[in-house]
Amino acid sequence: MALTPWGTVWDTRFPSLREEMDRVFEDFFGDTGFASLRGTNWAPPVDIVDTENEITVIVDIPAIDPEDVTVTVLGDTLTIEGERKQEREFNEQDYYRSERMHGSFSRTISLPDTVVGDMASASYKNGVLKIKLPKSHKEAAKEIKISVENAKPAKIVAQMVKQRRKQ
């Protein structure tokens, strides 16, 4: 009796569909800023906190020199760009496994129109970049009640029209 390798029904009956789905997920996650399944692109994780007075963007960028990071606010868009340089302590053949991401990255975040980009500030400590974007205190839309002066109720106006017709 010949032995065959064990495989799931998914592997044995739908191998091309599985490969196609893997490719779709790799393309999708590679383009959205998630760590690529192929390992070619990367983007640092971001937290965005929205409070009453400001928006704070927190970015994990360990092992990156803050001089290699550029933060730009243009209109309602925040762009964070930088590069993590690969350390060359070892030769390529010395690596048993290499999982740390390196290379350039770019994150673009849409901001609400209440953010004042000119007053943004950034700080870097222990591999964490914090960007604070204060909000403007524009007046909220105000509802104005309309007052009607010298108006007669509709019933009285209707009676006056009837009286004019009789004359």
Protein backbone atom coordinates (compact mmCIF):
# COMPACT_ATOMS: atom_id res chain seq x y z
CA MET A 1 0.00 0.00 0.00
CA ALA A 2 1.41 3.37 -1.02
CA LEU A 3 1.52 6.15 1.53
CA THR A 4 0.41 9.61 0.56
CA PRO A 5 1.10 12.75 2.54
CA TRP A 6 -1.77 13.92 4.71
CA GLY A 7 -3.52 17.06 3.61
CA THR A 8 -6.73 18.79 4.42
CA VAL A 9 -9.68 18.72 2.07
CA TRP A 10 -8.92 22.36 1.32
CA ASP A 11 -5.34 21.48 0.26
CA THR A 12 -6.23 18.44 -1.82
CA ARG A 13 -9.41 19.60 -3.55
CA PHE A 14 -8.87 23.34 -3.98
CA PRO A 15 -5.14 24.04 -4.27
CA SER A 16 -5.41 26.74 -6.95
CA LEU A 17 -8.25 28.52 -5.12
CA ARG A 18 -6.19 28.54 -1.93
CA GLU A 19 -3.16 29.98 -3.74
CA GLU A 20 -5.35 32.65 -5.31
CA MET A 21 -6.87 33.60 -1.93
CA ASP A 22 -3.38 33.77 -0.37
CA ARG A 23 -2.31 36.14 -3.16
CA VAL A 24 -5.40 38.33 -2.67
CA PHE A 25 -4.76 38.63 1.08
CA GLU A 26 -1.07 39.36 0.53
CA ASP A 27 -1.91 42.11 -1.97
CA PHE A 28 -4.57 43.57 0.31
CA PHE A 29 -2.53 43.61 3.52
CA GLY A 30 0.61 44.72 1.73
CA ASP A 31 -1.09 47.88 0.42
CA THR A 32 -2.86 48.98 3.61
CA GLY A 33 0.03 49.47 5.97
CA PHE A 34 -0.18 46.12 7.74
CA ALA A 35 3.04 44.19 7.88
CA SER A 36 3.25 42.55 4.50
CA LEU A 37 2.90 38.81 4.36
CA ARG A 38 5.71 38.77 1.82
CA GLY A 39 8.01 40.85 4.00
CA THR A 40 8.73 43.53 1.39
CA ASN A 41 6.88 46.54 2.86
CA TRP A 42 6.35 47.68 6.39
CA ALA A 43 4.70 50.45 8.30
CA PRO A 44 4.92 51.20 12.00
CA PRO A 45 1.78 50.69 14.10
CA VAL A 46 -0.18 53.85 14.94
CA ASP A 47 -2.64 54.82 17.70
CA ILE A 48 -4.81 57.90 17.23
CA VAL A 49 -6.43 59.47 20.29
CA ASP A 50 -9.13 62.12 19.84
CA THR A 51 -9.82 64.31 22.89
CA GLU A 52 -11.79 67.51 23.27
CA ASN A 53 -8.76 69.78 22.75
CA GLU A 54 -6.39 67.80 20.53
CA ILE A 55 -5.63 64.74 18.46
CA THR A 56 -2.61 62.71 19.51
CA VAL A 57 -0.92 60.30 17.10
CA ILE A 58 1.35 57.71 18.73
CA VAL A 59 3.75 55.80 16.47
CA ASP A 60 6.04 52.92 17.49
CA ILE A 61 9.34 53.39 15.68
CA PRO A 62 11.99 51.62 17.76
CA ALA A 63 15.57 51.50 16.51
CA ILE A 64 15.02 54.52 14.29
CA ASP A 65 16.99 57.71 14.72
CA PRO A 66 14.51 60.61 15.06
CA GLU A 67 16.69 62.50 12.57
CA ASP A 68 15.58 59.92 9.97
CA VAL A 69 11.86 60.70 10.51
CA THR A 70 9.90 63.47 8.78
CA VAL A 71 6.47 64.62 10.02
CA THR A 72 4.42 66.82 7.69
CA VAL A 73 0.98 68.37 8.19
CA LEU A 74 -0.60 69.71 5.03
CA GLY A 75 -4.23 70.75 5.27
CA ASP A 76 -6.14 67.82 6.74
CA THR A 77 -3.41 65.24 6.09
CA LEU A 78 -0.61 64.07 8.41
CA THR A 79 2.29 62.23 6.76
CA ILE A 80 4.98 60.37 8.71
CA GLU A 81 7.98 59.14 6.72
CA GLY A 82 11.20 57.57 7.83
CA GLU A 83 13.68 54.78 7.44
CA ARG A 84 14.94 51.99 9.64
CA LYS A 85 18.43 51.13 8.52
CA GLN A 86 19.55 47.53 8.58
CA GLU A 87 22.44 46.83 10.89
CA ARG A 88 25.29 45.07 9.11
CA GLU A 89 26.82 43.25 12.06
CA PHE A 90 26.60 39.92 10.29
CA ASN A 91 26.95 38.63 6.78
CA GLU A 92 23.85 37.36 5.01
CA GLN A 93 25.02 33.76 5.27
CA ASP A 94 25.36 34.15 9.08
CA TYR A 95 21.62 34.71 9.54
CA TYR A 96 19.59 31.77 10.74
CA ARG A 97 16.40 33.86 10.77
CA SER A 98 15.73 37.52 10.06
CA GLU A 99 12.28 38.86 11.01
CA ARG A 100 12.92 42.50 11.92
CA MET A 101 11.61 44.88 9.31
CA HIS A 102 13.86 47.53 7.81
CA GLY A 103 13.73 50.04 5.00
CA SER A 104 11.71 53.15 4.41
CA PHE A 105 8.09 53.64 5.46
CA SER A 106 5.35 56.18 4.96
CA ARG A 107 2.04 56.59 6.82
CA THR A 108 -0.63 59.07 5.75
CA ILE A 109 -3.47 59.86 8.13
CA SER A 110 -6.54 61.96 7.36
CA LEU A 111 -7.33 64.51 10.05
CA PRO A 112 -10.56 66.32 10.90
CA ASP A 113 -10.82 69.89 9.64
CA THR A 114 -10.80 71.24 13.21
CA VAL A 115 -7.06 70.46 13.59
CA VAL A 116 -4.66 73.43 13.56
CA GLY A 117 -1.65 72.03 11.69
CA ASP A 118 0.50 75.13 12.29
CA MET A 119 0.50 74.42 16.03
CA ALA A 120 1.42 70.72 15.83
CA SER A 121 4.26 69.41 17.98
CA ALA A 122 6.18 66.13 18.08
CA SER A 123 8.28 64.37 20.70
CA TYR A 124 10.31 61.14 20.64
CA LYS A 125 11.11 59.00 23.68
CA ASN A 126 12.06 55.33 24.03
CA GLY A 127 11.18 54.49 20.43
CA VAL A 128 7.75 56.13 20.57
CA LEU A 129 6.89 59.20 18.49
CA LYS A 130 4.01 61.36 19.81
CA ILE A 131 2.48 64.00 17.58
CA LYS A 132 0.03 66.44 19.18
CA LEU A 133 -2.34 68.34 16.92
CA PRO A 134 -4.45 70.94 18.74
CA LYS A 135 -8.02 71.56 17.64
CA SER A 136 -9.41 74.98 16.87
CA HIS A 137 -12.25 76.26 18.99
CA LYS A 138 -14.46 77.52 16.21
CA GLU A 139 -18.00 78.30 17.16
CA ALA A 140 -20.41 75.50 16.52
CA ALA A 141 -23.35 76.08 14.23
CA LYS A 142 -25.99 78.12 16.03
CA GLU A 143 -29.69 77.82 15.38
CA ILE A 144 -31.53 81.14 15.14
CA LYS A 145 -35.21 81.32 15.93
CA ILE A 146 -37.26 83.48 13.62
CA SER A 147 -39.62 85.88 15.33
CA VAL A 148 -42.57 87.20 13.39
CA GLU A 149 -43.74 90.73 14.24
CA ASN A 150 -47.09 92.31 13.36
CA ALA A 151 -48.43 89.06 12.02
CA LYS A 152 -52.07 88.16 12.31
CA PRO A 153 -53.13 84.62 12.92
CA ALA A 154 -54.28 82.79 9.79
CA LYS A 155 -57.93 82.61 10.97
CA ILE A 156 -58.25 86.38 11.21
CA VAL A 157 -56.68 86.88 7.78
CA ALA A 158 -59.15 84.41 6.27
CA GLN A 159 -62.10 86.31 7.80
CA MET A 160 -60.81 89.61 6.41
CA VAL A 161 -60.60 88.10 2.92
CA LYS A 162 -64.22 86.94 3.17
CA GLN A 163 -65.35 90.43 4.25
CA ARG A 164 -63.57 92.07 1.29
CA ARG A 165 -65.28 89.71 -1.14
CA LYS A 166 -68.70 90.63 0.23
CA GLN A 167 -68.08 94.32 -0.40
